Amino acid sequence: MKLIFIRHGDPDYEKDSLTEKGWREAEILAERVASWDIKQIYCSPLGRAQDTCSVSLSKTGREAVTCDWLKEFYYRIKDEQTGEWTIAWDFYPRDFNDRDDLHDKDRWALAEVMKSGDIAMHAQEVYDGFDALLEKHGYRRNDRNFYDVIEHNDDNIVFFCHFGVTALIIGHLIGVAAPCIWQGMMMQPTSITVLGSEERIPGEASFRVQVFGDCRHLIEAGEPVSQSGYFTKLFEG
């Protein structure tokens, strides 16, 4: 099985839609999506993901299933330095890099700063929603944090959503604390991230990242990659 995560196009956050550039990106993306053999498409309920997805749906003649738990992971925590409320993944390096608890795959959501926003509960909602969906597609999570294969398949499952929630799900799949991905990696608008199931032991599956943040459809079309969500100049080679 392949899990294909697509971040929405360049966002207009005020309107929860896409900028003019974002619509161009979505059109270019749709050409790439149309070349895939897709089993099912799932989408966040938020406008910027729905709009991005809609272009690919029009191109392919397919439909998508909207999942509420695929919305951006926008829950807030109370900043320990300032006392202000901020997005759970919006840390400065000085507040994250030396924190063992935020680097621990089992403890990060239980850190005191995360408790201020009930982050463990909200993360579990995403995990439960995702695992229930995966079970419908033949892979059931077990108590050893990998998956029992109910029915092997080579299906491609596509998700149109957001960086924050995708990073959370990837952490769940590969056993990495979500803040490490939030702070250490980046998915640009309309970028494609792929995880494949490895079934080296019959009946047992784990997921491994094959592609992360691929924007070659934009580069090949001569469309600059959006910097949205990143705090320095992008490499354009």
C-alpha atoms as a PDB file:
ATOM      1  CA  MET A   1       0.000   0.000   0.000  1.00  0.00           C
ATOM      2  CA  LYS A   2       1.082   3.564  -0.706  1.00  0.00           C
ATOM      3  CA  LEU A   3      -0.124   6.539   1.350  1.00  0.00           C
ATOM      4  CA  ILE A   4       0.197   9.772  -0.644  1.00  0.00           C
ATOM      5  CA  PHE A   5      -0.124  13.015   1.322  1.00  0.00           C
ATOM      6  CA  ILE A   6      -0.571  16.292  -0.574  1.00  0.00           C
ATOM      7  CA  ARG A   7      -0.372  19.666   1.109  1.00  0.00           C
ATOM      8  CA  HIS A   8      -2.838  22.290  -0.126  1.00  0.00           C
ATOM      9  CA  GLY A   9      -1.736  24.981  -2.586  1.00  0.00           C
ATOM     10  CA  ASP A  10      -0.352  28.394  -1.668  1.00  0.00           C
ATOM     11  CA  PRO A  11      -2.889  29.528   0.929  1.00  0.00           C
ATOM     12  CA  ASP A  12      -5.033  32.583   1.431  1.00  0.00           C
ATOM     13  CA  TYR A  13      -5.521  31.977   5.154  1.00  0.00           C
ATOM     14  CA  GLU A  14      -7.874  34.914   5.598  1.00  0.00           C
ATOM     15  CA  LYS A  15     -10.361  33.412   3.139  1.00  0.00           C
ATOM     16  CA  ASP A  16      -9.367  29.785   3.862  1.00  0.00           C
ATOM     17  CA  SER A  17      -8.846  29.329   0.155  1.00  0.00           C
ATOM     18  CA  LEU A  18      -5.988  29.641  -2.318  1.00  0.00           C
ATOM     19  CA  THR A  19      -4.091  32.601  -3.676  1.00  0.00           C
ATOM     20  CA  GLU A  20      -3.914  33.142  -7.433  1.00  0.00           C
ATOM     21  CA  LYS A  21      -0.585  31.325  -7.290  1.00  0.00           C
ATOM     22  CA  GLY A  22      -2.173  28.514  -5.268  1.00  0.00           C
ATOM     23  CA  TRP A  23      -4.776  27.928  -7.994  1.00  0.00           C
ATOM     24  CA  ARG A  24      -1.996  27.714 -10.590  1.00  0.00           C
ATOM     25  CA  GLU A  25      -0.186  25.198  -8.407  1.00  0.00           C
ATOM     26  CA  ALA A  26      -3.374  23.140  -8.041  1.00  0.00           C
ATOM     27  CA  GLU A  27      -3.837  23.032 -11.815  1.00  0.00           C
ATOM     28  CA  ILE A  28      -0.267  21.821 -12.318  1.00  0.00           C
ATOM     29  CA  LEU A  29      -0.653  19.290  -9.509  1.00  0.00           C
ATOM     30  CA  ALA A  30      -3.856  17.915 -11.047  1.00  0.00           C
ATOM     31  CA  GLU A  31      -1.970  16.905 -14.188  1.00  0.00           C
ATOM     32  CA  ARG A  32       0.317  14.781 -12.043  1.00  0.00           C
ATOM     33  CA  VAL A  33      -2.476  13.298  -9.928  1.00  0.00           C
ATOM     34  CA  ALA A  34      -4.383  12.329 -13.095  1.00  0.00           C
ATOM     35  CA  SER A  35      -1.531   9.993 -14.066  1.00  0.00           C
ATOM     36  CA  TRP A  36      -1.899   7.877 -10.897  1.00  0.00           C
ATOM     37  CA  ASP A  37      -3.876   4.688 -10.323  1.00  0.00           C
ATOM     38  CA  ILE A  38      -5.813   5.757  -7.206  1.00  0.00           C
ATOM     39  CA  LYS A  39      -7.968   3.576  -4.981  1.00  0.00           C
ATOM     40  CA  GLN A  40      -9.475   6.372  -2.862  1.00  0.00           C
ATOM     41  CA  ILE A  41      -9.050  10.087  -2.201  1.00  0.00           C
ATOM     42  CA  TYR A  42      -9.605  11.639   1.228  1.00  0.00           C
ATOM     43  CA  CYS A  43      -9.670  15.351   2.015  1.00  0.00           C
ATOM     44  CA  SER A  44      -9.555  17.764   4.924  1.00  0.00           C
ATOM     45  CA  PRO A  45     -12.766  19.769   5.451  1.00  0.00           C
ATOM     46  CA  LEU A  46     -10.893  23.093   5.339  1.00  0.00           C
ATOM     47  CA  GLY A  47     -11.348  25.314   2.310  1.00  0.00           C
ATOM     48  CA  ARG A  48      -7.738  25.494   1.129  1.00  0.00           C
ATOM     49  CA  ALA A  49      -7.490  21.682   1.009  1.00  0.00           C
ATOM     50  CA  GLN A  50     -10.949  21.304  -0.540  1.00  0.00           C
ATOM     51  CA  ASP A  51     -10.078  23.850  -3.231  1.00  0.00           C
ATOM     52  CA  THR A  52      -6.783  22.145  -4.043  1.00  0.00           C
ATOM     53  CA  CYS A  53      -8.476  18.773  -4.173  1.00  0.00           C
ATOM     54  CA  SER A  54     -11.346  20.039  -6.328  1.00  0.00           C
ATOM     55  CA  VAL A  55      -9.034  20.741  -9.268  1.00  0.00           C
ATOM     56  CA  SER A  56      -7.707  17.176  -9.238  1.00  0.00           C
ATOM     57  CA  LEU A  57     -11.235  15.802  -8.890  1.00  0.00           C
ATOM     58  CA  SER A  58     -12.363  17.776 -11.932  1.00  0.00           C
ATOM     59  CA  LYS A  59      -9.347  16.514 -13.875  1.00  0.00           C
ATOM     60  CA  THR A  60      -9.842  12.852 -12.928  1.00  0.00           C
ATOM     61  CA  GLY A  61     -13.645  12.669 -12.661  1.00  0.00           C
ATOM     62  CA  ARG A  62     -13.294  11.172  -9.194  1.00  0.00           C
ATOM     63  CA  GLU A  63     -14.884  11.975  -5.839  1.00  0.00           C
ATOM     64  CA  ALA A  64     -13.259  12.468  -2.432  1.00  0.00           C
ATOM     65  CA  VAL A  65     -14.317  11.521   1.082  1.00  0.00           C
ATOM     66  CA  THR A  66     -14.029  14.382   3.585  1.00  0.00           C
ATOM     67  CA  CYS A  67     -12.623  13.419   7.004  1.00  0.00           C
ATOM     68  CA  ASP A  68     -12.931  15.915   9.841  1.00  0.00           C
ATOM     69  CA  TRP A  69      -9.805  14.594  11.582  1.00  0.00           C
ATOM     70  CA  LEU A  70      -7.717  15.529   8.508  1.00  0.00           C
ATOM     71  CA  LYS A  71      -8.187  19.238   9.246  1.00  0.00           C
ATOM     72  CA  GLU A  72      -5.090  21.186  10.164  1.00  0.00           C
ATOM     73  CA  PHE A  73      -3.767  20.438  13.658  1.00  0.00           C
ATOM     74  CA  TYR A  74      -4.403  24.008  14.783  1.00  0.00           C
ATOM     75  CA  TYR A  75      -4.838  23.391  18.530  1.00  0.00           C
ATOM     76  CA  ARG A  76      -3.173  25.927  20.795  1.00  0.00           C
ATOM     77  CA  ILE A  77      -0.888  25.698  23.786  1.00  0.00           C
ATOM     78  CA  LYS A  78       0.233  28.295  26.302  1.00  0.00           C
ATOM     79  CA  ASP A  79       3.742  29.508  25.581  1.00  0.00           C
ATOM     80  CA  GLU A  80       5.861  28.891  28.680  1.00  0.00           C
ATOM     81  CA  GLN A  81       7.986  31.989  28.050  1.00  0.00           C
ATOM     82  CA  THR A  82       5.351  34.593  27.208  1.00  0.00           C
ATOM     83  CA  GLY A  83       2.111  33.140  28.593  1.00  0.00           C
ATOM     84  CA  GLU A  84       0.508  33.734  25.187  1.00  0.00           C
ATOM     85  CA  TRP A  85      -1.519  31.092  23.334  1.00  0.00           C
ATOM     86  CA  THR A  86       0.167  29.766  20.195  1.00  0.00           C
ATOM     87  CA  ILE A  87      -0.147  26.895  17.711  1.00  0.00           C
ATOM     88  CA  ALA A  88       1.142  23.621  19.198  1.00  0.00           C
ATOM     89  CA  TRP A  89       3.859  23.277  16.571  1.00  0.00           C
ATOM     90  CA  ASP A  90       5.088  26.889  16.585  1.00  0.00           C
ATOM     91  CA  PHE A  91       8.233  26.645  18.733  1.00  0.00           C
ATOM     92  CA  TYR A  92      11.420  28.691  18.657  1.00  0.00           C
ATOM     93  CA  PRO A  93      14.600  26.564  18.728  1.00  0.00           C
ATOM     94  CA  ARG A  94      15.424  27.845  22.234  1.00  0.00           C
ATOM     95  CA  ASP A  95      12.133  26.372  23.498  1.00  0.00           C
ATOM     96  CA  PHE A  96      12.445  23.011  21.750  1.00  0.00           C
ATOM     97  CA  ASN A  97      15.957  21.817  20.963  1.00  0.00           C
ATOM     98  CA  ASP A  98      17.025  20.922  24.515  1.00  0.00           C
ATOM     99  CA  ARG A  99      13.685  19.419  25.581  1.00  0.00           C
ATOM    100  CA  ASP A 100      13.970  15.627  25.873  1.00  0.00           C
ATOM    101  CA  ASP A 101      10.246  15.289  26.527  1.00  0.00           C
ATOM    102  CA  LEU A 102       9.311  16.961  23.227  1.00  0.00           C
ATOM    103  CA  HIS A 103      11.666  14.612  21.363  1.00  0.00           C
ATOM    104  CA  ASP A 104      10.204  11.442  22.902  1.00  0.00           C
ATOM    105  CA  LYS A 105       7.708   9.580  20.707  1.00  0.00           C
ATOM    106  CA  ASP A 106       5.733   8.390  23.746  1.00  0.00           C
ATOM    107  CA  ARG A 107       5.956  11.477  25.980  1.00  0.00           C
ATOM    108  CA  TRP A 108       5.841  14.539  23.739  1.00  0.00           C
ATOM    109  CA  ALA A 109       2.068  15.022  23.938  1.00  0.00           C
ATOM    110  CA  LEU A 110       2.178  14.633  27.732  1.00  0.00           C
ATOM    111  CA  ALA A 111       4.705  17.439  28.275  1.00  0.00           C
ATOM    112  CA  GLU A 112       3.380  20.182  30.531  1.00  0.00           C
ATOM    113  CA  VAL A 113       3.301  22.714  27.707  1.00  0.00           C
ATOM    114  CA  MET A 114       1.185  20.320  25.628  1.00  0.00           C
ATOM    115  CA  LYS A 115      -1.184  19.617  28.507  1.00  0.00           C
ATOM    116  CA  SER A 116      -2.237  23.262  28.444  1.00  0.00           C
ATOM    117  CA  GLY A 117      -4.024  22.575  25.157  1.00  0.00           C
ATOM    118  CA  ASP A 118      -5.134  18.950  25.708  1.00  0.00           C
ATOM    119  CA  ILE A 119      -2.835  18.029  22.825  1.00  0.00           C
ATOM    120  CA  ALA A 120      -2.669  14.328  23.745  1.00  0.00           C
ATOM    121  CA  MET A 121      -6.447  14.081  23.382  1.00  0.00           C
ATOM    122  CA  HIS A 122      -6.493  15.907  20.048  1.00  0.00           C
ATOM    123  CA  ALA A 123      -3.584  13.851  18.702  1.00  0.00           C
ATOM    124  CA  GLN A 124      -5.381  10.651  19.695  1.00  0.00           C
ATOM    125  CA  GLU A 125      -8.445  11.781  17.749  1.00  0.00           C
ATOM    126  CA  VAL A 126      -6.274  11.978  14.628  1.00  0.00           C
ATOM    127  CA  TYR A 127      -4.589   8.634  15.325  1.00  0.00           C
ATOM    128  CA  ASP A 128      -7.928   6.915  15.901  1.00  0.00           C
ATOM    129  CA  GLY A 129      -9.458   8.368  12.758  1.00  0.00           C
ATOM    130  CA  PHE A 130      -6.464   7.436  10.654  1.00  0.00           C
ATOM    131  CA  ASP A 131      -6.139   3.911  12.034  1.00  0.00           C
ATOM    132  CA  ALA A 132      -9.862   3.230  11.555  1.00  0.00           C
ATOM    133  CA  LEU A 133      -9.512   4.308   7.931  1.00  0.00           C
ATOM    134  CA  LEU A 134      -6.402   2.196   7.407  1.00  0.00           C
ATOM    135  CA  GLU A 135      -8.183  -0.849   8.828  1.00  0.00           C
ATOM    136  CA  LYS A 136     -10.897  -0.427   6.186  1.00  0.00           C
ATOM    137  CA  HIS A 137      -8.099  -0.673   3.634  1.00  0.00           C
ATOM    138  CA  GLY A 138      -6.706  -3.896   5.080  1.00  0.00           C
ATOM    139  CA  TYR A 139      -4.148  -2.819   7.710  1.00  0.00           C
ATOM    140  CA  ARG A 140      -4.919  -2.983  11.448  1.00  0.00           C
ATOM    141  CA  ARG A 141      -2.647  -1.326  14.024  1.00  0.00           C
ATOM    142  CA  ASN A 142      -1.559  -3.659  16.815  1.00  0.00           C
ATOM    143  CA  ASP A 143      -0.306  -3.032  20.352  1.00  0.00           C
ATOM    144  CA  ARG A 144       3.325  -3.164  19.160  1.00  0.00           C
ATOM    145  CA  ASN A 145       2.839  -0.015  17.057  1.00  0.00           C
ATOM    146  CA  PHE A 146       2.987  -1.605  13.625  1.00  0.00           C
ATOM    147  CA  TYR A 147       0.205  -3.073  11.477  1.00  0.00           C
ATOM    148  CA  ASP A 148      -1.287  -6.517  11.012  1.00  0.00           C
ATOM    149  CA  VAL A 149      -2.093  -7.191   7.384  1.00  0.00           C
ATOM    150  CA  ILE A 150      -5.727  -8.195   7.109  1.00  0.00           C
ATOM    151  CA  GLU A 151      -5.641  -8.096   3.324  1.00  0.00           C
ATOM    152  CA  HIS A 152      -2.487  -7.215   1.407  1.00  0.00           C
ATOM    153  CA  ASN A 153      -2.897  -4.729  -1.412  1.00  0.00           C
ATOM    154  CA  ASP A 154      -0.885  -2.348  -3.556  1.00  0.00           C
ATOM    155  CA  ASP A 155      -3.496   0.415  -3.476  1.00  0.00           C
ATOM    156  CA  ASN A 156      -2.604   4.099  -3.695  1.00  0.00           C
ATOM    157  CA  ILE A 157      -4.528   6.122  -1.082  1.00  0.00           C
ATOM    158  CA  VAL A 158      -4.395   9.911  -1.486  1.00  0.00           C
ATOM    159  CA  PHE A 159      -4.877  12.542   1.237  1.00  0.00           C
ATOM    160  CA  PHE A 160      -5.309  16.260   0.515  1.00  0.00           C
ATOM    161  CA  CYS A 161      -4.590  18.033   3.789  1.00  0.00           C
ATOM    162  CA  HIS A 162      -2.009  20.128   5.679  1.00  0.00           C
ATOM    163  CA  PHE A 163       1.577  20.062   6.892  1.00  0.00           C
ATOM    164  CA  GLY A 164       0.808  19.983  10.627  1.00  0.00           C
ATOM    165  CA  VAL A 165      -1.595  17.035  10.548  1.00  0.00           C
ATOM    166  CA  THR A 166       0.496  15.139   7.982  1.00  0.00           C
ATOM    167  CA  ALA A 167       3.563  15.425  10.226  1.00  0.00           C
ATOM    168  CA  LEU A 168       1.490  14.153  13.148  1.00  0.00           C
ATOM    169  CA  ILE A 169       0.355  11.105  11.147  1.00  0.00           C
ATOM    170  CA  ILE A 170       3.858  10.395   9.862  1.00  0.00           C
ATOM    171  CA  GLY A 171       5.180  10.465  13.424  1.00  0.00           C
ATOM    172  CA  HIS A 172       2.462   7.958  14.370  1.00  0.00           C
ATOM    173  CA  LEU A 173       3.406   5.688  11.466  1.00  0.00           C
ATOM    174  CA  ILE A 174       7.198   5.662  11.839  1.00  0.00           C
ATOM    175  CA  GLY A 175       7.574   6.148  15.605  1.00  0.00           C
ATOM    176  CA  VAL A 176       8.914   9.706  15.748  1.00  0.00           C
ATOM    177  CA  ALA A 177       7.731  12.519  18.021  1.00  0.00           C
ATOM    178  CA  ALA A 178       5.595  14.884  15.956  1.00  0.00           C
ATOM    179  CA  PRO A 179       7.481  18.014  17.144  1.00  0.00           C
ATOM    180  CA  CYS A 180      10.670  16.630  15.587  1.00  0.00           C
ATOM    181  CA  ILE A 181       8.978  16.611  12.189  1.00  0.00           C
ATOM    182  CA  TRP A 182       7.180  19.923  12.775  1.00  0.00           C
ATOM    183  CA  GLN A 183      10.468  21.603  13.714  1.00  0.00           C
ATOM    184  CA  GLY A 184      12.917  19.739  11.495  1.00  0.00           C
ATOM    185  CA  MET A 185      11.173  19.196   8.159  1.00  0.00           C
ATOM    186  CA  MET A 186       8.954  21.074   5.716  1.00  0.00           C
ATOM    187  CA  MET A 187       6.322  20.302   3.087  1.00  0.00           C
ATOM    188  CA  GLN A 188       5.767  23.145   0.626  1.00  0.00           C
ATOM    189  CA  PRO A 189       2.334  23.859  -0.887  1.00  0.00           C
ATOM    190  CA  THR A 190       1.165  21.074  -3.262  1.00  0.00           C
ATOM    191  CA  SER A 191       4.197  19.003  -2.297  1.00  0.00           C
ATOM    192  CA  ILE A 192       3.803  15.229  -2.321  1.00  0.00           C
ATOM    193  CA  THR A 193       4.907  12.911   0.476  1.00  0.00           C
ATOM    194  CA  VAL A 194       4.659   9.136   0.070  1.00  0.00           C
ATOM    195  CA  LEU A 195       4.878   6.313   2.599  1.00  0.00           C
ATOM    196  CA  GLY A 196       4.848   2.681   1.534  1.00  0.00           C
ATOM    197  CA  SER A 197       4.050  -0.398   3.560  1.00  0.00           C
ATOM    198  CA  GLU A 198       6.935  -2.821   3.976  1.00  0.00           C
ATOM    199  CA  GLU A 199       5.846  -6.412   4.674  1.00  0.00           C
ATOM    200  CA  ARG A 200       9.124  -8.215   5.153  1.00  0.00           C
ATOM    201  CA  ILE A 201       7.420 -10.683   7.484  1.00  0.00           C
ATOM    202  CA  PRO A 202       4.172 -12.047   6.015  1.00  0.00           C
ATOM    203  CA  GLY A 203       1.190 -10.557   7.811  1.00  0.00           C
ATOM    204  CA  GLU A 204       3.156  -7.688   9.383  1.00  0.00           C
ATOM    205  CA  ALA A 205       3.504  -4.198   7.934  1.00  0.00           C
ATOM    206  CA  SER A 206       5.364  -1.039   8.827  1.00  0.00           C
ATOM    207  CA  PHE A 207       5.409   2.203   6.880  1.00  0.00           C
ATOM    208  CA  ARG A 208       8.474   3.920   5.516  1.00  0.00           C
ATOM    209  CA  VAL A 209       8.875   7.316   3.868  1.00  0.00           C
ATOM    210  CA  GLN A 210       9.711   6.979   0.167  1.00  0.00           C
ATOM    211  CA  VAL A 211       9.277  10.608  -0.898  1.00  0.00           C
ATOM    212  CA  PHE A 212       9.077  13.748   1.250  1.00  0.00           C
ATOM    213  CA  GLY A 213       7.927  17.174   0.080  1.00  0.00           C
ATOM    214  CA  ASP A 214       8.347  16.531  -3.649  1.00  0.00           C
ATOM    215  CA  CYS A 215       7.464  19.577  -5.789  1.00  0.00           C
ATOM    216  CA  ARG A 216       8.904  18.477  -9.106  1.00  0.00           C
ATOM    217  CA  HIS A 217       5.574  19.059 -10.874  1.00  0.00           C
ATOM    218  CA  LEU A 218       5.952  22.770 -10.089  1.00  0.00           C
ATOM    219  CA  ILE A 219       9.623  22.933 -10.993  1.00  0.00           C
ATOM    220  CA  GLU A 220       9.098  21.142 -14.311  1.00  0.00           C
ATOM    221  CA  ALA A 221       6.234  23.511 -15.142  1.00  0.00           C
ATOM    222  CA  GLY A 222       8.344  26.582 -14.347  1.00  0.00           C
ATOM    223  CA  GLU A 223       6.182  27.541 -11.357  1.00  0.00           C
ATOM    224  CA  PRO A 224       8.218  28.768  -8.349  1.00  0.00           C
ATOM    225  CA  VAL A 225       7.807  26.727  -5.185  1.00  0.00           C
ATOM    226  CA  SER A 226       5.893  28.626  -2.507  1.00  0.00           C
ATOM    227  CA  GLN A 227       7.728  29.624   0.656  1.00  0.00           C
ATOM    228  CA  SER A 228       4.522  29.532   2.761  1.00  0.00           C
ATOM    229  CA  GLY A 229       5.322  28.138   6.204  1.00  0.00           C
ATOM    230  CA  TYR A 230       9.094  28.426   5.864  1.00  0.00           C
ATOM    231  CA  PHE A 231      11.300  31.101   7.425  1.00  0.00           C
ATOM    232  CA  THR A 232      14.245  31.381   5.076  1.00  0.00           C
ATOM    233  CA  LYS A 233      14.980  31.479   1.360  1.00  0.00           C
ATOM    234  CA  LEU A 234      14.333  28.224  -0.481  1.00  0.00           C
ATOM    235  CA  PHE A 235      16.962  26.360  -2.477  1.00  0.00           C
ATOM    236  CA  GLU A 236      15.927  26.670  -6.124  1.00  0.00           C
ATOM    237  CA  GLY A 237      18.443  24.404  -7.829  1.00  0.00           C
END
